[in-house]
Amino acid sequence: MSSCEILQKIIDESKSIVFFGGAGVSTESGIPDFRSVDGLYNQKYDYPPEEILSHHFFIENTEEFYRFYKDKMLCTDAEPNNAHLKCAELEKAGKLSAVVTQNIDGLHQRAGSKKVFELHGSVHRNYCTKCSKFFDVEYIKNSNGVPLCDKCGGIVKPDVVLYEEGLDDNTVNGALLAISNADTMIVAGTSLTVYPAAGMLRYFKGKNLILINRDATRFDTSANYVFRDKVGELLSKIKL
């Protein structure tokens, strides 16, 4: 059987699927990932990306943080691809109970998914660090230098989880509940090297653990099936 036929059979027989996605889910929308050969970690900047995207760097070097962030993290022209669209379709059909994503691009919601746990936050939510006023992504994109609150003048911070920051408890708890209640978990487009997100797989007690990733991961031996297909291409072939 082909990977498509195997996946089709599993989805047909599943009642509660959780889709757990990483950066590789959005690369087909033109958003670069971090750890591949052409990803952000292999490009050259004045500082390593992991340092720029840290809490202490945001506090101590806010202008440089935003120079990188606006240039490399705000891919607002990207459109949902077949992976995002199929997840929304599976949810609407009552097959998929939740999306758990490490991405901050909001493409799952753009595609129509309703129950999305964004482990690392979203570029579409931004808050004043002084008065907590909300700002959308366009406000950040169109600001000169460091975006400042138009109400109190405070620095506006993206609602994304930077290095050295913890994940949101409510988001984590919701994701873990969905994973623990799922009968099938599709893990796609992630190297499973970023913790605590990668550690969530151990909460899955269902029947089918499926990995879709172009490179090997340390969880391959724990999966029922491992597919090396492109995520969007494979999911686009699934019929409901």
C-alpha atoms as a PDB file:
ATOM      1  CA  MET A   1       0.000   0.000   0.000  1.00  0.00           C
ATOM      2  CA  SER A   2       1.138   3.540  -0.700  1.00  0.00           C
ATOM      3  CA  SER A   3       1.522   6.112   2.072  1.00  0.00           C
ATOM      4  CA  CYS A   4      -1.655   7.788   0.844  1.00  0.00           C
ATOM      5  CA  GLU A   5      -3.647   4.532   0.969  1.00  0.00           C
ATOM      6  CA  ILE A   6      -2.386   3.730   4.473  1.00  0.00           C
ATOM      7  CA  LEU A   7      -3.188   7.210   5.753  1.00  0.00           C
ATOM      8  CA  GLN A   8      -6.608   7.156   4.077  1.00  0.00           C
ATOM      9  CA  LYS A   9      -7.507   3.871   5.800  1.00  0.00           C
ATOM     10  CA  ILE A  10      -6.398   5.164   9.209  1.00  0.00           C
ATOM     11  CA  ILE A  11      -8.334   8.418   8.857  1.00  0.00           C
ATOM     12  CA  ASP A  12     -11.439   6.554   7.687  1.00  0.00           C
ATOM     13  CA  GLU A  13     -11.306   4.416  10.836  1.00  0.00           C
ATOM     14  CA  SER A  14     -10.449   7.248  13.268  1.00  0.00           C
ATOM     15  CA  LYS A  15     -12.915   9.200  15.357  1.00  0.00           C
ATOM     16  CA  SER A  16     -10.669  11.688  17.153  1.00  0.00           C
ATOM     17  CA  ILE A  17      -7.554  12.889  15.303  1.00  0.00           C
ATOM     18  CA  VAL A  18      -5.060  15.427  16.621  1.00  0.00           C
ATOM     19  CA  PHE A  19      -2.770  17.114  14.120  1.00  0.00           C
ATOM     20  CA  PHE A  20       0.530  18.205  15.678  1.00  0.00           C
ATOM     21  CA  GLY A  21       2.494  20.449  13.308  1.00  0.00           C
ATOM     22  CA  GLY A  22       5.824  22.216  13.114  1.00  0.00           C
ATOM     23  CA  ALA A  23       7.576  24.609  10.741  1.00  0.00           C
ATOM     24  CA  GLY A  24       7.549  22.073   7.881  1.00  0.00           C
ATOM     25  CA  VAL A  25       3.774  22.438   7.640  1.00  0.00           C
ATOM     26  CA  SER A  26       4.122  26.069   6.557  1.00  0.00           C
ATOM     27  CA  THR A  27       7.148  25.796   4.261  1.00  0.00           C
ATOM     28  CA  GLU A  28       4.792  24.911   1.402  1.00  0.00           C
ATOM     29  CA  SER A  29       3.252  28.346   1.982  1.00  0.00           C
ATOM     30  CA  GLY A  30       6.661  29.968   1.476  1.00  0.00           C
ATOM     31  CA  ILE A  31       7.494  30.468   5.146  1.00  0.00           C
ATOM     32  CA  PRO A  32      11.085  29.390   5.938  1.00  0.00           C
ATOM     33  CA  ASP A  33      11.678  26.867   8.685  1.00  0.00           C
ATOM     34  CA  PHE A  34      14.487  27.084  11.201  1.00  0.00           C
ATOM     35  CA  ARG A  35      16.676  24.020  11.062  1.00  0.00           C
ATOM     36  CA  SER A  36      16.798  22.865   7.452  1.00  0.00           C
ATOM     37  CA  VAL A  37      19.707  23.633   5.128  1.00  0.00           C
ATOM     38  CA  ASP A  38      18.032  26.825   3.918  1.00  0.00           C
ATOM     39  CA  GLY A  39      16.322  27.647   7.226  1.00  0.00           C
ATOM     40  CA  LEU A  40      16.833  30.689   9.430  1.00  0.00           C
ATOM     41  CA  TYR A  41      19.451  29.011  11.612  1.00  0.00           C
ATOM     42  CA  ASN A  42      21.717  28.583   8.610  1.00  0.00           C
ATOM     43  CA  GLN A  43      21.563  32.193   7.455  1.00  0.00           C
ATOM     44  CA  LYS A  44      24.013  34.850   8.611  1.00  0.00           C
ATOM     45  CA  TYR A  45      23.090  37.743  10.881  1.00  0.00           C
ATOM     46  CA  ASP A  46      24.949  39.913  13.373  1.00  0.00           C
ATOM     47  CA  TYR A  47      23.607  37.609  16.093  1.00  0.00           C
ATOM     48  CA  PRO A  48      22.413  33.996  15.966  1.00  0.00           C
ATOM     49  CA  PRO A  49      18.603  33.828  15.437  1.00  0.00           C
ATOM     50  CA  GLU A  50      18.139  31.910  18.688  1.00  0.00           C
ATOM     51  CA  GLU A  51      19.770  34.782  20.580  1.00  0.00           C
ATOM     52  CA  ILE A  52      17.766  37.475  18.779  1.00  0.00           C
ATOM     53  CA  LEU A  53      14.549  35.577  19.533  1.00  0.00           C
ATOM     54  CA  SER A  54      15.254  35.380  23.271  1.00  0.00           C
ATOM     55  CA  HIS A  55      13.615  37.227  26.139  1.00  0.00           C
ATOM     56  CA  HIS A  56      16.806  38.909  27.312  1.00  0.00           C
ATOM     57  CA  PHE A  57      17.624  40.119  23.795  1.00  0.00           C
ATOM     58  CA  PHE A  58      14.140  41.606  23.399  1.00  0.00           C
ATOM     59  CA  ILE A  59      14.605  43.502  26.666  1.00  0.00           C
ATOM     60  CA  GLU A  60      18.210  44.586  26.115  1.00  0.00           C
ATOM     61  CA  ASN A  61      18.294  45.137  22.353  1.00  0.00           C
ATOM     62  CA  THR A  62      14.701  45.781  21.337  1.00  0.00           C
ATOM     63  CA  GLU A  63      15.515  47.709  18.173  1.00  0.00           C
ATOM     64  CA  GLU A  64      17.732  44.939  16.786  1.00  0.00           C
ATOM     65  CA  PHE A  65      15.107  42.359  17.794  1.00  0.00           C
ATOM     66  CA  TYR A  66      12.455  44.140  15.750  1.00  0.00           C
ATOM     67  CA  ARG A  67      14.740  44.619  12.777  1.00  0.00           C
ATOM     68  CA  PHE A  68      15.110  40.839  12.522  1.00  0.00           C
ATOM     69  CA  TYR A  69      11.525  40.076  13.570  1.00  0.00           C
ATOM     70  CA  LYS A  70       9.907  42.320  10.971  1.00  0.00           C
ATOM     71  CA  ASP A  71      12.250  41.110   8.248  1.00  0.00           C
ATOM     72  CA  LYS A  72      12.094  37.374   8.888  1.00  0.00           C
ATOM     73  CA  MET A  73       9.119  36.487  11.078  1.00  0.00           C
ATOM     74  CA  LEU A  74       6.255  38.505   9.612  1.00  0.00           C
ATOM     75  CA  CYS A  75       5.230  36.514   6.539  1.00  0.00           C
ATOM     76  CA  THR A  76       1.813  38.129   6.304  1.00  0.00           C
ATOM     77  CA  ASP A  77       1.426  37.487   2.571  1.00  0.00           C
ATOM     78  CA  ALA A  78       1.582  33.700   2.996  1.00  0.00           C
ATOM     79  CA  GLU A  79      -1.557  31.742   2.189  1.00  0.00           C
ATOM     80  CA  PRO A  80      -2.753  28.464   3.753  1.00  0.00           C
ATOM     81  CA  ASN A  81      -1.567  25.401   1.848  1.00  0.00           C
ATOM     82  CA  ASN A  82      -3.125  21.973   1.370  1.00  0.00           C
ATOM     83  CA  ALA A  83      -2.088  20.832   4.852  1.00  0.00           C
ATOM     84  CA  HIS A  84      -3.893  23.712   6.556  1.00  0.00           C
ATOM     85  CA  LEU A  85      -6.934  23.324   4.317  1.00  0.00           C
ATOM     86  CA  LYS A  86      -7.199  19.568   4.885  1.00  0.00           C
ATOM     87  CA  CYS A  87      -7.003  20.014   8.665  1.00  0.00           C
ATOM     88  CA  ALA A  88      -9.905  22.456   8.506  1.00  0.00           C
ATOM     89  CA  GLU A  89     -11.816  20.028   6.287  1.00  0.00           C
ATOM     90  CA  LEU A  90     -11.179  17.129   8.688  1.00  0.00           C
ATOM     91  CA  GLU A  91     -12.363  19.221  11.630  1.00  0.00           C
ATOM     92  CA  LYS A  92     -15.535  20.238   9.813  1.00  0.00           C
ATOM     93  CA  ALA A  93     -16.199  16.578   9.013  1.00  0.00           C
ATOM     94  CA  GLY A  94     -15.923  15.702  12.712  1.00  0.00           C
ATOM     95  CA  LYS A  95     -12.757  13.651  12.255  1.00  0.00           C
ATOM     96  CA  LEU A  96     -10.178  16.051  13.699  1.00  0.00           C
ATOM     97  CA  SER A  97     -10.607  17.219  17.295  1.00  0.00           C
ATOM     98  CA  ALA A  98      -7.749  19.720  17.484  1.00  0.00           C
ATOM     99  CA  VAL A  99      -4.685  21.206  15.842  1.00  0.00           C
ATOM    100  CA  VAL A 100      -1.622  21.648  18.033  1.00  0.00           C
ATOM    101  CA  THR A 101       0.931  23.846  16.297  1.00  0.00           C
ATOM    102  CA  GLN A 102       4.408  25.148  17.009  1.00  0.00           C
ATOM    103  CA  ASN A 103       3.940  27.779  14.294  1.00  0.00           C
ATOM    104  CA  ILE A 104       3.101  31.422  14.935  1.00  0.00           C
ATOM    105  CA  ASP A 105       1.744  32.300  11.482  1.00  0.00           C
ATOM    106  CA  GLY A 106      -2.000  31.821  12.084  1.00  0.00           C
ATOM    107  CA  LEU A 107      -2.464  29.899   8.833  1.00  0.00           C
ATOM    108  CA  HIS A 108      -4.548  27.140  10.400  1.00  0.00           C
ATOM    109  CA  GLN A 109      -7.149  29.704  11.479  1.00  0.00           C
ATOM    110  CA  ARG A 110      -6.969  31.382   8.076  1.00  0.00           C
ATOM    111  CA  ALA A 111      -7.781  27.999   6.511  1.00  0.00           C
ATOM    112  CA  GLY A 112     -10.839  27.622   8.726  1.00  0.00           C
ATOM    113  CA  SER A 113      -9.686  25.557  11.708  1.00  0.00           C
ATOM    114  CA  LYS A 114     -11.518  26.487  14.911  1.00  0.00           C
ATOM    115  CA  LYS A 115      -9.765  24.515  17.647  1.00  0.00           C
ATOM    116  CA  VAL A 116      -6.095  25.450  17.392  1.00  0.00           C
ATOM    117  CA  PHE A 117      -3.602  25.363  20.241  1.00  0.00           C
ATOM    118  CA  GLU A 118      -0.741  27.706  19.357  1.00  0.00           C
ATOM    119  CA  LEU A 119       2.056  26.525  21.631  1.00  0.00           C
ATOM    120  CA  HIS A 120       4.415  29.336  20.681  1.00  0.00           C
ATOM    121  CA  GLY A 121       1.872  32.132  20.314  1.00  0.00           C
ATOM    122  CA  SER A 122       0.996  34.168  17.233  1.00  0.00           C
ATOM    123  CA  VAL A 123       2.370  37.125  15.281  1.00  0.00           C
ATOM    124  CA  HIS A 124      -1.227  38.304  14.959  1.00  0.00           C
ATOM    125  CA  ARG A 125      -1.472  39.157  18.672  1.00  0.00           C
ATOM    126  CA  ASN A 126       0.630  41.953  20.152  1.00  0.00           C
ATOM    127  CA  TYR A 127       0.347  43.746  23.464  1.00  0.00           C
ATOM    128  CA  CYS A 128       1.652  46.904  25.108  1.00  0.00           C
ATOM    129  CA  THR A 129       4.041  45.910  27.898  1.00  0.00           C
ATOM    130  CA  LYS A 130       2.714  48.770  30.043  1.00  0.00           C
ATOM    131  CA  CYS A 131      -1.068  49.002  29.597  1.00  0.00           C
ATOM    132  CA  SER A 132      -1.770  45.682  27.773  1.00  0.00           C
ATOM    133  CA  LYS A 133      -3.575  47.332  24.840  1.00  0.00           C
ATOM    134  CA  PHE A 134      -3.948  44.921  21.915  1.00  0.00           C
ATOM    135  CA  PHE A 135      -2.409  45.564  18.483  1.00  0.00           C
ATOM    136  CA  ASP A 136      -2.715  43.555  15.281  1.00  0.00           C
ATOM    137  CA  VAL A 137       0.150  42.443  13.072  1.00  0.00           C
ATOM    138  CA  GLU A 138      -0.278  45.345  10.656  1.00  0.00           C
ATOM    139  CA  TYR A 139       0.457  47.811  13.455  1.00  0.00           C
ATOM    140  CA  ILE A 140       3.778  46.061  14.051  1.00  0.00           C
ATOM    141  CA  LYS A 141       4.555  45.774  10.359  1.00  0.00           C
ATOM    142  CA  ASN A 142       3.858  49.446   9.635  1.00  0.00           C
ATOM    143  CA  SER A 143       5.663  50.884  12.660  1.00  0.00           C
ATOM    144  CA  ASN A 144       9.021  52.629  12.376  1.00  0.00           C
ATOM    145  CA  GLY A 145      11.655  50.934  14.490  1.00  0.00           C
ATOM    146  CA  VAL A 146      10.323  49.697  17.818  1.00  0.00           C
ATOM    147  CA  PRO A 147       6.487  49.759  17.844  1.00  0.00           C
ATOM    148  CA  LEU A 148       5.142  51.901  20.665  1.00  0.00           C
ATOM    149  CA  CYS A 149       1.656  51.963  22.153  1.00  0.00           C
ATOM    150  CA  ASP A 150      -0.493  54.792  20.778  1.00  0.00           C
ATOM    151  CA  LYS A 151      -2.207  55.042  24.167  1.00  0.00           C
ATOM    152  CA  CYS A 152       0.607  55.145  26.749  1.00  0.00           C
ATOM    153  CA  GLY A 153       3.849  55.036  24.750  1.00  0.00           C
ATOM    154  CA  GLY A 154       4.911  51.659  26.094  1.00  0.00           C
ATOM    155  CA  ILE A 155       6.834  49.116  24.031  1.00  0.00           C
ATOM    156  CA  VAL A 156       4.595  46.665  22.167  1.00  0.00           C
ATOM    157  CA  LYS A 157       5.634  43.001  22.388  1.00  0.00           C
ATOM    158  CA  PRO A 158       4.500  40.174  20.117  1.00  0.00           C
ATOM    159  CA  ASP A 159       2.496  37.459  21.852  1.00  0.00           C
ATOM    160  CA  VAL A 160       5.037  34.851  20.797  1.00  0.00           C
ATOM    161  CA  VAL A 161       7.006  32.614  23.128  1.00  0.00           C
ATOM    162  CA  LEU A 162      10.640  33.687  23.018  1.00  0.00           C
ATOM    163  CA  TYR A 163      13.551  31.589  24.209  1.00  0.00           C
ATOM    164  CA  GLU A 164      13.755  31.724  28.036  1.00  0.00           C
ATOM    165  CA  GLU A 165       9.976  32.181  28.258  1.00  0.00           C
ATOM    166  CA  GLY A 166       7.467  29.525  29.346  1.00  0.00           C
ATOM    167  CA  LEU A 167       4.506  28.255  27.374  1.00  0.00           C
ATOM    168  CA  ASP A 168       1.016  29.430  28.259  1.00  0.00           C
ATOM    169  CA  ASP A 169      -0.500  27.032  30.812  1.00  0.00           C
ATOM    170  CA  ASN A 170      -4.026  27.085  29.378  1.00  0.00           C
ATOM    171  CA  THR A 171      -2.742  26.373  25.867  1.00  0.00           C
ATOM    172  CA  VAL A 172      -0.564  23.508  27.083  1.00  0.00           C
ATOM    173  CA  ASN A 173      -3.336  21.971  29.182  1.00  0.00           C
ATOM    174  CA  GLY A 174      -5.811  22.158  26.302  1.00  0.00           C
ATOM    175  CA  ALA A 175      -3.322  20.574  23.915  1.00  0.00           C
ATOM    176  CA  LEU A 176      -2.466  17.758  26.332  1.00  0.00           C
ATOM    177  CA  LEU A 177      -6.143  16.984  26.924  1.00  0.00           C
ATOM    178  CA  ALA A 178      -6.775  16.760  23.179  1.00  0.00           C
ATOM    179  CA  ILE A 179      -3.706  14.564  22.645  1.00  0.00           C
ATOM    180  CA  SER A 180      -4.544  12.210  25.515  1.00  0.00           C
ATOM    181  CA  ASN A 181      -8.091  11.719  24.189  1.00  0.00           C
ATOM    182  CA  ALA A 182      -7.126  11.152  20.543  1.00  0.00           C
ATOM    183  CA  ASP A 183      -7.199   7.775  18.830  1.00  0.00           C
ATOM    184  CA  THR A 184      -4.886   8.997  16.040  1.00  0.00           C
ATOM    185  CA  MET A 185      -2.115  11.576  16.158  1.00  0.00           C
ATOM    186  CA  ILE A 186      -0.565  12.936  12.983  1.00  0.00           C
ATOM    187  CA  VAL A 187       2.771  14.621  13.684  1.00  0.00           C
ATOM    188  CA  ALA A 188       3.957  16.588  10.673  1.00  0.00           C
ATOM    189  CA  GLY A 189       6.735  18.909   9.589  1.00  0.00           C
ATOM    190  CA  THR A 190       8.679  18.941  12.830  1.00  0.00           C
ATOM    191  CA  SER A 191      12.122  17.704  13.832  1.00  0.00           C
ATOM    192  CA  LEU A 192      10.768  17.102  17.373  1.00  0.00           C
ATOM    193  CA  THR A 193      13.848  18.676  18.936  1.00  0.00           C
ATOM    194  CA  VAL A 194      12.157  21.657  20.610  1.00  0.00           C
ATOM    195  CA  TYR A 195      10.991  21.062  24.164  1.00  0.00           C
ATOM    196  CA  PRO A 196       8.643  21.115  25.963  1.00  0.00           C
ATOM    197  CA  ALA A 197       6.546  20.823  22.767  1.00  0.00           C
ATOM    198  CA  ALA A 198       8.181  17.578  21.603  1.00  0.00           C
ATOM    199  CA  GLY A 199       7.595  16.001  25.010  1.00  0.00           C
ATOM    200  CA  MET A 200       3.838  16.195  24.451  1.00  0.00           C
ATOM    201  CA  LEU A 201       3.966  13.082  22.277  1.00  0.00           C
ATOM    202  CA  ARG A 202       4.318  10.911  25.346  1.00  0.00           C
ATOM    203  CA  TYR A 203       0.773  11.858  26.387  1.00  0.00           C
ATOM    204  CA  PHE A 204      -0.650  10.129  23.323  1.00  0.00           C
ATOM    205  CA  LYS A 205      -2.167   6.764  24.292  1.00  0.00           C
ATOM    206  CA  GLY A 206      -4.203   6.135  21.143  1.00  0.00           C
ATOM    207  CA  LYS A 207      -3.919   3.573  18.386  1.00  0.00           C
ATOM    208  CA  ASN A 208      -2.069   5.304  15.535  1.00  0.00           C
ATOM    209  CA  LEU A 209       0.957   7.596  15.816  1.00  0.00           C
ATOM    210  CA  ILE A 210       1.899   8.832  12.349  1.00  0.00           C
ATOM    211  CA  LEU A 211       4.983  10.928  11.527  1.00  0.00           C
ATOM    212  CA  ILE A 212       5.198  12.899   8.294  1.00  0.00           C
ATOM    213  CA  ASN A 213       8.609  14.539   7.972  1.00  0.00           C
ATOM    214  CA  ARG A 214      11.264  14.684   5.289  1.00  0.00           C
ATOM    215  CA  ASP A 215      14.082  13.961   7.768  1.00  0.00           C
ATOM    216  CA  ALA A 216      14.437  11.315  10.460  1.00  0.00           C
ATOM    217  CA  THR A 217      13.445  12.156  14.034  1.00  0.00           C
ATOM    218  CA  ARG A 218      14.243  10.518  17.360  1.00  0.00           C
ATOM    219  CA  PHE A 219      10.592   9.458  17.602  1.00  0.00           C
ATOM    220  CA  ASP A 220      10.554   7.486  14.329  1.00  0.00           C
ATOM    221  CA  THR A 221      10.933   4.159  16.135  1.00  0.00           C
ATOM    222  CA  SER A 222       7.944   4.988  18.365  1.00  0.00           C
ATOM    223  CA  ALA A 223       5.598   5.685  15.454  1.00  0.00           C
ATOM    224  CA  ASN A 224       3.260   3.208  13.811  1.00  0.00           C
ATOM    225  CA  TYR A 225       3.990   4.755  10.415  1.00  0.00           C
ATOM    226  CA  VAL A 226       6.629   7.172   9.139  1.00  0.00           C
ATOM    227  CA  PHE A 227       6.117   8.954   5.815  1.00  0.00           C
ATOM    228  CA  ARG A 228       8.756  11.050   4.044  1.00  0.00           C
ATOM    229  CA  ASP A 229       6.202  12.848   1.852  1.00  0.00           C
ATOM    230  CA  LYS A 230       5.602  16.586   1.759  1.00  0.00           C
ATOM    231  CA  VAL A 231       2.826  17.233   4.261  1.00  0.00           C
ATOM    232  CA  GLY A 232       0.499  19.236   1.997  1.00  0.00           C
ATOM    233  CA  GLU A 233       0.967  16.930  -0.974  1.00  0.00           C
ATOM    234  CA  LEU A 234       0.124  13.833   1.067  1.00  0.00           C
ATOM    235  CA  LEU A 235      -2.870  15.322   2.880  1.00  0.00           C
ATOM    236  CA  SER A 236      -4.314  16.768  -0.334  1.00  0.00           C
ATOM    237  CA  LYS A 237      -4.887  13.197  -1.560  1.00  0.00           C
ATOM    238  CA  ILE A 238      -7.062  12.271   1.420  1.00  0.00           C
ATOM    239  CA  LYS A 239     -10.755  11.975   0.574  1.00  0.00           C
ATOM    240  CA  LEU A 240     -13.605  12.556   3.023  1.00  0.00           C
END
